Amino acid sequence: MEIHEYARLDAIALRELIATGKVSAAEVEEVARRALELANARLNALTMPLFSPALEHAGRGPFAGVPFLIKDSAPLAEGVPFSIGTRAIPPHITAERDTEVMSRFRAAGLVTLGQTTAPEMAISFATESARYGITRNPWDLDRGTGGSSGGSAALVAAGAVPMAHGSDGAGSIRIPASACGLVGLKPTRGRTPAGPGADEHGFGMSYDFALTRTVRDAAHLLDAVAGPGVGDKYEVPRPARPYAGELGAEPERLRVALSVRSWSGGTVDPEVAEATIAAARLLEEFGHDVGEAGPEVTPEEIVEGCRHQLAAVAAPYLMAPVDLPKQVFAEVAWKVVEEARSLSAMELLAGFARQNALTRKVGAFFTRYDLLVTPTLAWPPAPHGTFDFDDAEQTTTGWLESIFQYGPFTMLFNVSGQPAISLPLGQSSGGLPIGVQLVAPYGREDLLLRLAARFEEAMPWCDRTPPHHVAAGQAGSDSGSSAR
């Protein structure tokens, strides 16, 4: 198998080739390693050399033999170093055990080959850090990949792996999906497990899943990892049938809300707005009722509803057994640590009350509508350096407000818990990807996947590849062996 052949296949297609013996899992892994090295040399999206050997996994499973990557967002996999993009965590510190979702990745047969970059503390919509430098977008090396799952997004978009782990605390799966032209699903709160070390990531605002190139990969992977872990405090109602069974199913007639005015009070790029409106028009053609509407929340409510999550982000550093000097942190990260250190119990409870109020407002909105359509980002992928994480004058609130201008439509659903998906439905006049976000009522990933599959059929995106895709110029020149 050659790189140009491998890089255009999604995870399900690769699994079918392996299962039928047309190519071996070892051949797929070997070509994936070459593709990853080639892509990373351009994009700087890996935190360390590739794992050798790959992380242990089941030899059977729905994705047996499919290459995969994990994000440097937490102590995820036993024995693997993690840093969350900061110099404050020494390189010798490793995860003590697998998280439940990592155990499920292994059980699904995914072959984890490496770890991808994230911004410091994973609290930026730009994957740029003092520890790892700038991660570059395969659509334009001068543009960012979004954050915080930017390393995963870059390598999936470049064709180096068909899908990769991501986590989403304020849009951190959906925003890189939009910036890199991918499918990015944030599940319902509680759909994927947070244990065994926690009942809720980020006070219930952070979610583990993945970035994919196709809707069917997202559906099959959700089938593999969804559901509560043993002893989990919360359990989301299970779907009536597997998510993969929603592909090709016709949704009932829906009441669809369209919102393209920025919820931050900022501007939305006209091309982004037009791509979103075009998606809504297509929903009308599908037979759904579309009107302009959105949750009745203010920018201040959204930002304040997210602020207390910063305490959860800073908690591992505050509980560290050693003093951490300011010099090892970027300025904004240090201010997050300081604010978390000074936070009182009453202030934290007030934050939970704000989250509860927002959750109820959004829940009420979805009693009137079955689906909400918005842009994912307000603008096409931002140039590097747009967000200064080392600005000594910046405050934590000011930082949240600045990234909220870029990603005004995603944070709210981290607070309120509804499932949301970003689909690569548009392109700017300069050829940059534009994502459109679909949001469904609590627990309705089935509806999102039905609609996403319809969009993928009507507005196919898989043939659109970035200039810095690993298959570019590879046909006929790859030294890999051909599959028989």
Protein backbone atom coordinates (compact mmCIF):
# COMPACT_ATOMS: atom_id res chain seq x y z
CA MET A 1 0.00 0.00 0.00
CA GLU A 2 1.31 3.44 -0.93
CA ILE A 3 0.78 6.70 0.90
CA HIS A 4 -1.43 8.17 -1.81
CA GLU A 5 -3.72 5.12 -1.60
CA TYR A 6 -3.79 5.01 2.21
CA ALA A 7 -4.35 8.73 2.75
CA ARG A 8 -7.64 8.87 0.84
CA LEU A 9 -9.31 6.07 2.82
CA ASP A 10 -11.41 6.60 5.91
CA ALA A 11 -11.18 4.32 8.93
CA ILE A 12 -14.02 2.03 7.87
CA ALA A 13 -12.50 1.55 4.41
CA LEU A 14 -9.12 0.71 5.94
CA ARG A 15 -10.72 -1.73 8.34
CA GLU A 16 -12.53 -3.48 5.46
CA LEU A 17 -9.26 -3.87 3.53
CA ILE A 18 -7.58 -5.37 6.58
CA ALA A 19 -10.52 -7.65 7.43
CA THR A 20 -10.67 -9.06 3.90
CA GLY A 21 -6.92 -9.66 3.76
CA LYS A 22 -6.29 -7.24 0.91
CA VAL A 23 -3.72 -5.52 3.07
CA SER A 24 -2.24 -6.46 6.44
CA ALA A 25 -2.50 -4.40 9.60
CA ALA A 26 1.31 -4.29 9.68
CA GLU A 27 1.42 -2.78 6.17
CA VAL A 28 -1.16 -0.16 7.14
CA GLU A 29 0.80 0.76 10.24
CA GLU A 30 4.04 1.03 8.28
CA VAL A 31 2.57 3.38 5.68
CA ALA A 32 0.82 5.40 8.43
CA ARG A 33 4.14 5.95 10.16
CA ARG A 34 5.67 7.26 6.95
CA ALA A 35 2.66 9.50 6.34
CA LEU A 36 2.83 10.88 9.87
CA GLU A 37 6.54 11.67 9.60
CA LEU A 38 5.96 13.39 6.25
CA ALA A 39 3.02 15.45 7.53
CA ASN A 40 4.62 16.35 10.84
CA ALA A 41 7.72 17.73 9.14
CA ARG A 42 5.45 20.39 7.58
CA LEU A 43 2.84 20.86 10.30
CA ASN A 44 4.55 20.35 13.69
CA ALA A 45 1.57 18.50 15.13
CA LEU A 46 3.19 15.73 17.22
CA THR A 47 4.49 16.24 20.76
CA MET A 48 7.16 13.54 20.61
CA PRO A 49 8.49 10.81 18.34
CA LEU A 50 5.97 8.19 17.29
CA PHE A 51 5.34 5.40 19.78
CA SER A 52 7.47 2.37 19.06
CA PRO A 53 5.80 -0.02 19.34
CA ALA A 54 2.26 1.32 19.05
CA LEU A 55 0.23 1.37 22.24
CA GLU A 56 -1.23 -2.00 23.12
CA HIS A 57 -4.66 -2.65 21.63
CA ALA A 58 -7.14 -5.43 20.93
CA GLY A 59 -6.42 -7.44 17.82
CA ARG A 60 -10.13 -7.51 17.14
CA GLY A 61 -12.75 -4.84 17.20
CA PRO A 62 -14.61 -2.53 14.83
CA PHE A 63 -11.42 -0.59 14.02
CA ALA A 64 -8.83 -3.36 14.36
CA GLY A 65 -5.62 -2.23 12.68
CA VAL A 66 -6.71 1.37 12.01
CA PRO A 67 -4.04 4.01 12.83
CA PHE A 68 -5.00 6.54 15.50
CA LEU A 69 -3.56 9.38 17.58
CA ILE A 70 -4.31 10.73 21.05
CA LYS A 71 -4.33 14.38 22.05
CA ASP A 72 -2.02 15.82 24.71
CA SER A 73 -4.97 17.09 26.74
CA ALA A 74 -4.83 14.96 29.90
CA PRO A 75 -3.18 11.91 31.49
CA LEU A 76 -5.00 9.67 29.02
CA ALA A 77 -2.99 6.48 28.46
CA GLU A 78 -1.07 4.53 31.09
CA GLY A 79 2.67 5.13 30.92
CA VAL A 80 2.45 7.89 28.29
CA PRO A 81 3.93 11.31 29.16
CA PHE A 82 1.57 14.27 28.98
CA SER A 83 2.04 18.02 29.30
CA ILE A 84 -1.17 19.72 28.09
CA GLY A 85 1.12 22.02 26.15
CA THR A 86 2.83 23.53 29.18
CA ARG A 87 6.44 23.57 30.37
CA ALA A 88 5.14 23.22 33.94
CA ILE A 89 4.82 19.44 33.62
CA PRO A 90 8.23 17.70 33.40
CA PRO A 91 8.77 15.24 30.52
CA HIS A 92 9.14 12.26 32.89
CA ILE A 93 5.59 12.57 34.29
CA THR A 94 3.33 9.89 32.83
CA ALA A 95 -0.30 8.85 33.18
CA GLU A 96 -0.81 6.34 35.98
CA ARG A 97 -3.66 4.52 34.27
CA ASP A 98 -5.89 4.58 31.23
CA THR A 99 -8.99 6.69 31.23
CA GLU A 100 -12.15 4.75 30.41
CA VAL A 101 -12.37 6.30 26.95
CA MET A 102 -8.74 5.29 26.25
CA SER A 103 -9.58 1.73 27.28
CA ARG A 104 -12.40 1.81 24.74
CA PHE A 105 -10.12 3.12 22.00
CA ARG A 106 -7.84 0.15 22.68
CA ALA A 107 -10.75 -2.31 22.80
CA ALA A 108 -11.98 -1.02 19.43
CA GLY A 109 -8.67 -2.16 17.95
CA LEU A 110 -7.32 1.31 17.19
CA VAL A 111 -3.55 1.38 16.71
CA THR A 112 -2.37 4.46 18.63
CA LEU A 113 0.85 5.67 17.04
CA GLY A 114 1.48 9.06 18.64
CA GLN A 115 0.34 12.09 20.61
CA THR A 116 -0.81 15.40 19.11
CA THR A 117 -0.19 18.98 20.13
CA ALA A 118 -2.49 21.22 22.15
CA PRO A 119 -2.14 24.82 23.36
CA GLU A 120 -1.03 25.45 26.93
CA MET A 121 -3.68 24.23 29.38
CA ALA A 122 -5.87 23.56 26.31
CA ILE A 123 -7.55 26.96 26.73
CA SER A 124 -6.90 28.58 23.39
CA PHE A 125 -8.46 28.45 19.95
CA ALA A 126 -4.92 28.48 18.50
CA THR A 127 -2.60 25.48 18.85
CA GLU A 128 0.53 27.47 19.58
CA SER A 129 2.61 27.00 22.74
CA ALA A 130 6.02 27.81 24.15
CA ARG A 131 6.59 24.09 24.69
CA TYR A 132 5.83 22.84 21.18
CA GLY A 133 5.70 25.90 18.97
CA ILE A 134 3.18 26.55 16.22
CA THR A 135 1.08 23.79 14.68
CA ARG A 136 0.37 24.64 11.04
CA ASN A 137 -2.73 24.19 8.95
CA PRO A 138 -2.36 21.93 5.87
CA TRP A 139 -4.69 24.28 3.96
CA ASP A 140 -2.35 27.25 4.51
CA LEU A 141 0.84 26.98 6.57
CA ASP A 142 0.45 30.60 7.68
CA ARG A 143 -2.94 29.84 9.28
CA GLY A 144 -3.83 28.20 12.57
CA THR A 145 -5.53 24.86 13.08
CA GLY A 146 -7.87 26.10 15.79
CA GLY A 147 -7.74 24.69 19.27
CA SER A 148 -7.39 22.98 21.42
CA SER A 149 -7.42 19.76 19.34
CA GLY A 150 -5.37 21.45 16.63
CA GLY A 151 -2.63 18.84 16.31
CA SER A 152 -5.15 16.06 15.78
CA ALA A 153 -7.05 18.14 13.23
CA ALA A 154 -3.93 19.00 11.24
CA LEU A 155 -2.84 15.38 10.85
CA VAL A 156 -6.30 14.06 9.99
CA ALA A 157 -6.81 16.82 7.42
CA ALA A 158 -3.39 16.07 5.91
CA GLY A 159 -4.35 12.41 5.43
CA ALA A 160 -1.77 11.06 7.91
CA VAL A 161 -4.47 9.22 9.91
CA PRO A 162 -8.18 8.81 9.18
CA MET A 163 -9.24 10.02 12.62
CA ALA A 164 -7.74 11.15 15.92
CA HIS A 165 -8.78 11.77 19.50
CA GLY A 166 -9.95 15.23 20.50
CA SER A 167 -11.50 16.84 23.55
CA ASP A 168 -13.93 19.74 23.56
CA GLY A 169 -14.14 22.18 26.49
CA ALA A 170 -15.40 25.29 24.66
CA GLY A 171 -15.39 24.16 21.03
CA SER A 172 -12.06 22.34 20.96
CA ILE A 173 -13.21 19.56 18.60
CA ARG A 174 -15.59 21.63 16.47
CA ILE A 175 -13.31 24.64 16.00
CA PRO A 176 -10.30 22.67 14.67
CA ALA A 177 -12.73 20.68 12.52
CA SER A 178 -13.93 23.94 10.99
CA ALA A 179 -10.40 25.32 10.55
CA CYS A 180 -9.14 22.13 8.91
CA GLY A 181 -12.17 20.99 6.89
CA LEU A 182 -13.21 17.98 9.00
CA VAL A 183 -16.17 16.41 10.79
CA GLY A 184 -16.08 17.33 14.48
CA LEU A 185 -18.71 15.87 16.82
CA LYS A 186 -19.08 17.02 20.42
CA PRO A 187 -21.28 14.41 22.11
CA THR A 188 -24.00 15.02 24.68
CA ARG A 189 -22.74 15.59 28.21
CA GLY A 190 -22.22 12.13 29.69
CA ARG A 191 -22.37 10.26 26.37
CA THR A 192 -18.67 9.39 26.52
CA PRO A 193 -17.15 8.45 29.89
CA ALA A 194 -14.96 10.73 31.98
CA GLY A 195 -13.81 8.11 34.50
CA PRO A 196 -12.23 6.60 36.35
CA GLY A 197 -10.46 9.70 37.64
CA ALA A 198 -13.43 12.05 37.34
CA ASP A 199 -17.21 12.09 37.06
CA GLU A 200 -17.17 15.25 34.92
CA HIS A 201 -14.33 16.84 32.98
CA GLY A 202 -14.12 20.59 33.52
CA PHE A 203 -17.21 20.72 35.75
CA GLY A 204 -19.19 18.94 33.05
CA MET A 205 -18.07 21.22 30.21
CA SER A 206 -15.41 19.07 28.54
CA TYR A 207 -16.07 16.04 26.33
CA ASP A 208 -13.85 13.36 24.76
CA PHE A 209 -14.36 12.11 21.24
CA ALA A 210 -12.53 12.52 17.92
CA LEU A 211 -12.04 14.35 14.63
CA THR A 212 -12.85 12.41 11.46
CA ARG A 213 -13.01 12.97 7.72
CA THR A 214 -16.30 11.14 7.21
CA VAL A 215 -19.62 10.97 9.01
CA ARG A 216 -19.65 7.18 8.99
CA ASP A 217 -16.35 7.07 10.90
CA ALA A 218 -17.85 9.37 13.54
CA ALA A 219 -20.96 7.18 13.82
CA HIS A 220 -19.08 3.90 14.11
CA LEU A 221 -16.58 5.34 16.60
CA LEU A 222 -19.39 6.70 18.76
CA ASP A 223 -20.89 3.22 18.81
CA ALA A 224 -17.53 1.90 20.02
CA VAL A 225 -16.92 4.38 22.86
CA ALA A 226 -20.33 5.67 24.01
CA GLY A 227 -21.99 4.69 27.26
CA PRO A 228 -21.30 5.08 30.97
CA GLY A 229 -18.33 3.55 32.71
CA VAL A 230 -18.67 1.36 35.77
CA GLY A 231 -19.95 3.45 38.66
CA ASP A 232 -20.46 6.63 36.61
CA LYS A 233 -22.67 9.18 38.36
CA TYR A 234 -24.61 10.09 35.22
CA GLU A 235 -26.14 8.04 32.43
CA VAL A 236 -27.52 9.53 29.23
CA PRO A 237 -30.50 7.69 27.67
CA ARG A 238 -29.16 5.15 25.22
CA PRO A 239 -30.07 5.40 21.51
CA ALA A 240 -32.80 3.20 20.12
CA ARG A 241 -30.33 1.60 17.68
CA PRO A 242 -26.61 1.85 16.84
CA TYR A 243 -25.49 5.23 15.54
CA ALA A 244 -24.19 3.57 12.39
CA GLY A 245 -27.79 2.59 11.70
CA GLU A 246 -28.72 6.28 11.39
CA LEU A 247 -26.64 6.64 8.23
CA GLY A 248 -29.08 6.86 5.34
CA ALA A 249 -32.12 7.15 7.60
CA GLU A 250 -34.58 9.94 6.86
CA PRO A 251 -35.21 12.35 9.73
CA GLU A 252 -38.75 13.42 10.52
CA ARG A 253 -39.85 16.91 9.48
CA LEU A 254 -37.91 19.29 11.70
CA ARG A 255 -38.35 22.75 13.15
CA VAL A 256 -34.96 24.33 12.32
CA ALA A 257 -33.57 27.55 13.77
CA LEU A 258 -30.90 29.49 11.87
CA SER A 259 -28.58 31.96 13.60
CA VAL A 260 -25.72 33.75 11.83
CA ARG A 261 -25.35 36.87 14.00
CA SER A 262 -22.38 36.55 16.34
CA TRP A 263 -23.33 35.73 19.93
CA SER A 264 -20.26 37.66 21.10
CA GLY A 265 -21.50 40.89 19.55
CA GLY A 266 -18.63 40.75 17.05
CA THR A 267 -18.61 40.23 13.30
CA VAL A 268 -19.22 37.15 11.19
CA ASP A 269 -17.33 36.94 7.91
CA PRO A 270 -19.80 37.27 4.98
CA GLU A 271 -18.54 34.07 3.35
CA VAL A 272 -19.01 32.17 6.63
CA ALA A 273 -22.55 33.53 6.97
CA GLU A 274 -23.37 32.61 3.38
CA ALA A 275 -22.12 29.03 3.80
CA THR A 276 -24.34 28.67 6.87
CA ILE A 277 -27.38 30.13 5.09
CA ALA A 278 -26.75 27.76 2.15
CA ALA A 279 -26.85 24.82 4.56
CA ALA A 280 -30.17 26.07 5.95
CA ARG A 281 -31.55 26.41 2.41
CA LEU A 282 -30.62 22.80 1.75
CA LEU A 283 -32.51 21.77 4.88
CA GLU A 284 -35.55 23.53 3.43
CA GLU A 285 -35.07 21.52 0.23
CA PHE A 286 -35.00 18.39 2.38
CA GLY A 287 -38.49 19.38 3.58
CA HIS A 288 -37.77 20.98 6.95
CA ASP A 289 -39.18 24.24 8.31
CA VAL A 290 -36.46 26.88 8.76
CA GLY A 291 -36.66 30.23 10.52
CA GLU A 292 -34.21 32.67 12.11
CA ALA A 293 -33.89 32.17 15.87
CA GLY A 294 -31.36 31.41 18.59
CA PRO A 295 -31.16 30.88 22.36
CA GLU A 296 -31.91 34.09 24.25
CA VAL A 297 -28.60 34.50 26.05
CA THR A 298 -26.17 37.41 26.28
CA PRO A 299 -22.43 37.41 25.57
CA GLU A 300 -21.77 38.14 29.24
CA GLU A 301 -23.82 35.12 30.32
CA ILE A 302 -21.87 32.81 28.05
CA VAL A 303 -18.42 34.08 29.09
CA GLU A 304 -19.30 34.07 32.78
CA GLY A 305 -20.82 30.62 32.42
CA CYS A 306 -17.45 29.36 31.16
CA ARG A 307 -15.15 31.17 33.58
CA HIS A 308 -15.38 28.73 36.46
CA GLN A 309 -14.14 25.97 34.16
CA LEU A 310 -10.74 27.66 34.39
CA ALA A 311 -10.50 26.49 38.00
CA ALA A 312 -10.81 22.91 36.80
CA VAL A 313 -8.13 23.52 34.17
CA ALA A 314 -5.73 24.88 36.79
CA ALA A 315 -6.49 22.25 39.47
CA PRO A 316 -3.71 19.79 38.51
CA TYR A 317 -1.11 22.53 38.84
CA LEU A 318 -2.48 23.78 42.16
CA MET A 319 -2.41 20.25 43.56
CA ALA A 320 1.13 19.53 42.34
CA PRO A 321 3.51 18.52 45.17
CA VAL A 322 6.09 21.12 44.09
CA ASP A 323 6.10 24.89 43.76
CA LEU A 324 5.64 25.94 40.16
CA PRO A 325 7.48 29.14 39.21
CA LYS A 326 5.65 31.74 37.18
CA GLN A 327 8.40 31.60 34.58
CA VAL A 328 7.33 28.16 33.31
CA PHE A 329 3.87 29.42 32.35
CA ALA A 330 2.72 31.75 29.59
CA GLU A 331 1.20 34.94 31.00
CA VAL A 332 -2.44 33.98 30.46
CA ALA A 333 -1.88 30.48 31.84
CA TRP A 334 -0.27 31.92 34.98
CA LYS A 335 -3.22 34.25 35.49
CA VAL A 336 -5.55 31.27 35.22
CA VAL A 337 -3.55 29.53 37.97
CA GLU A 338 -3.63 32.65 40.14
CA GLU A 339 -7.37 33.16 39.66
CA ALA A 340 -8.10 29.53 40.47
CA ARG A 341 -5.93 29.78 43.60
CA SER A 342 -7.92 32.78 44.83
CA LEU A 343 -11.36 31.36 43.98
CA SER A 344 -13.60 30.87 47.00
CA ALA A 345 -16.12 28.07 47.44
CA MET A 346 -18.96 30.57 47.23
CA GLU A 347 -17.63 31.98 43.95
CA LEU A 348 -17.41 28.47 42.54
CA LEU A 349 -20.99 27.74 43.61
CA ALA A 350 -22.07 30.98 41.93
CA GLY A 351 -20.41 29.70 38.74
CA PHE A 352 -22.40 26.48 38.95
CA ALA A 353 -25.57 28.54 39.36
CA ARG A 354 -24.74 30.49 36.18
CA GLN A 355 -24.13 27.22 34.34
CA ASN A 356 -27.46 25.88 35.57
CA ALA A 357 -29.32 29.01 34.43
CA LEU A 358 -27.79 28.80 30.94
CA THR A 359 -28.53 25.09 30.70
CA ARG A 360 -32.21 25.68 31.45
CA LYS A 361 -32.47 28.54 28.93
CA VAL A 362 -30.97 26.40 26.17
CA GLY A 363 -33.12 23.45 27.17
CA ALA A 364 -36.21 25.64 26.84
CA PHE A 365 -35.08 26.72 23.36
CA PHE A 366 -34.99 23.09 22.25
CA THR A 367 -38.59 22.55 23.31
CA ARG A 368 -39.49 24.91 20.44
CA TYR A 369 -36.90 23.76 17.87
CA ASP A 370 -35.53 20.39 16.82
CA LEU A 371 -32.27 21.70 15.35
CA LEU A 372 -30.11 24.82 15.42
CA VAL A 373 -27.81 25.80 12.54
CA THR A 374 -24.96 28.28 13.09
CA PRO A 375 -21.46 28.92 11.79
CA THR A 376 -18.80 27.06 13.75
CA LEU A 377 -16.27 29.91 13.61
CA ALA A 378 -16.99 33.56 12.93
CA TRP A 379 -14.09 33.78 10.44
CA PRO A 380 -12.01 31.45 8.27
CA PRO A 381 -8.88 29.99 9.94
CA ALA A 382 -6.99 32.77 11.72
CA PRO A 383 -3.35 33.65 10.94
CA HIS A 384 -0.72 32.57 13.45
CA GLY A 385 -0.23 35.06 16.26
CA THR A 386 -3.85 36.28 16.24
CA PHE A 387 -4.20 35.27 19.89
CA ASP A 388 -1.35 36.34 22.19
CA PHE A 389 -1.20 33.85 25.06
CA ASP A 390 1.83 35.65 26.49
CA ASP A 391 0.27 39.12 26.78
CA ALA A 392 1.16 40.45 30.24
CA GLU A 393 -1.76 42.91 30.12
CA GLN A 394 -4.36 40.23 29.42
CA THR A 395 -6.90 39.14 32.06
CA THR A 396 -8.64 35.77 32.18
CA THR A 397 -11.97 37.40 31.34
CA GLY A 398 -10.34 39.39 28.55
CA TRP A 399 -8.81 36.21 27.19
CA LEU A 400 -12.15 34.40 27.11
CA GLU A 401 -13.74 37.40 25.42
CA SER A 402 -11.00 37.52 22.75
CA ILE A 403 -11.35 33.87 21.75
CA PHE A 404 -15.14 34.23 22.01
CA GLN A 405 -14.97 36.74 19.13
CA TYR A 406 -13.45 34.00 16.94
CA GLY A 407 -15.62 31.13 18.19
CA PRO A 408 -18.87 32.73 19.42
CA PHE A 409 -21.17 29.78 18.64
CA THR A 410 -19.55 26.81 20.37
CA MET A 411 -18.99 27.58 24.07
CA LEU A 412 -22.66 27.72 25.00
CA PHE A 413 -23.22 24.03 24.28
CA ASN A 414 -20.31 23.00 26.45
CA VAL A 415 -22.17 24.67 29.30
CA SER A 416 -25.62 23.34 28.41
CA GLY A 417 -24.60 19.86 27.28
CA GLN A 418 -26.36 19.42 23.92
CA PRO A 419 -24.62 17.46 21.14
CA ALA A 420 -23.18 19.55 18.32
CA ILE A 421 -21.33 18.75 15.11
CA SER A 422 -19.22 20.86 12.74
CA LEU A 423 -19.38 19.89 9.07
CA PRO A 424 -17.05 21.20 6.32
CA LEU A 425 -19.82 22.61 4.13
CA GLY A 426 -18.10 25.69 2.71
CA GLN A 427 -14.89 27.17 1.39
CA SER A 428 -13.75 30.77 1.33
CA SER A 429 -12.80 32.54 -1.89
CA GLY A 430 -9.21 31.91 -0.82
CA GLY A 431 -9.81 28.15 -0.61
CA LEU A 432 -9.96 27.91 3.19
CA PRO A 433 -12.46 25.55 4.84
CA ILE A 434 -15.63 26.85 6.49
CA GLY A 435 -17.49 24.77 9.05
CA VAL A 436 -21.22 24.85 9.75
CA GLN A 437 -22.46 23.76 13.18
CA LEU A 438 -25.60 21.71 13.79
CA VAL A 439 -26.91 21.46 17.35
CA ALA A 440 -29.61 19.02 18.49
CA PRO A 441 -31.59 18.55 21.71
CA TYR A 442 -29.97 16.73 24.62
CA GLY A 443 -29.20 13.12 23.78
CA ARG A 444 -29.97 13.39 20.03
CA GLU A 445 -26.68 12.46 18.37
CA ASP A 446 -28.83 10.14 16.26
CA LEU A 447 -30.51 13.15 14.66
CA LEU A 448 -27.20 14.94 14.05
CA LEU A 449 -25.70 11.90 12.35
CA ARG A 450 -28.76 11.38 10.13
CA LEU A 451 -28.58 14.98 8.95
CA ALA A 452 -24.79 14.99 8.66
CA ALA A 453 -24.97 11.95 6.39
CA ARG A 454 -27.55 13.74 4.19
CA PHE A 455 -25.27 16.78 3.93
CA GLU A 456 -22.28 14.58 3.11
CA GLU A 457 -24.25 13.01 0.26
CA ALA A 458 -25.62 16.31 -1.06
CA MET A 459 -22.48 18.42 -0.52
CA PRO A 460 -19.58 15.91 -0.56
CA TRP A 461 -16.31 17.15 0.85
CA CYS A 462 -13.96 14.17 0.89
CA ASP A 463 -12.50 14.95 -2.52
CA ARG A 464 -11.40 18.38 -1.28
CA THR A 465 -7.85 17.97 -0.01
CA PRO A 466 -5.48 20.64 1.28
CA PRO A 467 -2.31 21.67 -0.56
CA HIS A 468 -0.18 20.05 2.14
CA HIS A 469 -1.93 16.68 2.04
CA VAL A 470 0.44 13.71 2.28
CA ALA A 471 -0.91 12.29 -0.99
CA ALA A 472 0.13 15.39 -2.95
CA GLY A 473 2.84 14.35 -5.37
CA GLN A 474 3.00 10.83 -3.95
CA ALA A 475 1.31 8.79 -6.70
CA GLY A 476 3.92 6.66 -8.40
CA SER A 477 6.77 7.95 -6.21
CA ASP A 478 6.07 6.21 -2.90
CA SER A 479 8.54 3.50 -1.93
CA GLY A 480 5.93 1.46 -0.04
CA SER A 481 4.83 -1.96 -1.25
CA SER A 482 1.53 -2.33 -3.03
CA ALA A 483 -1.31 -4.19 -1.33
CA ARG A 484 -2.22 -7.49 -2.98
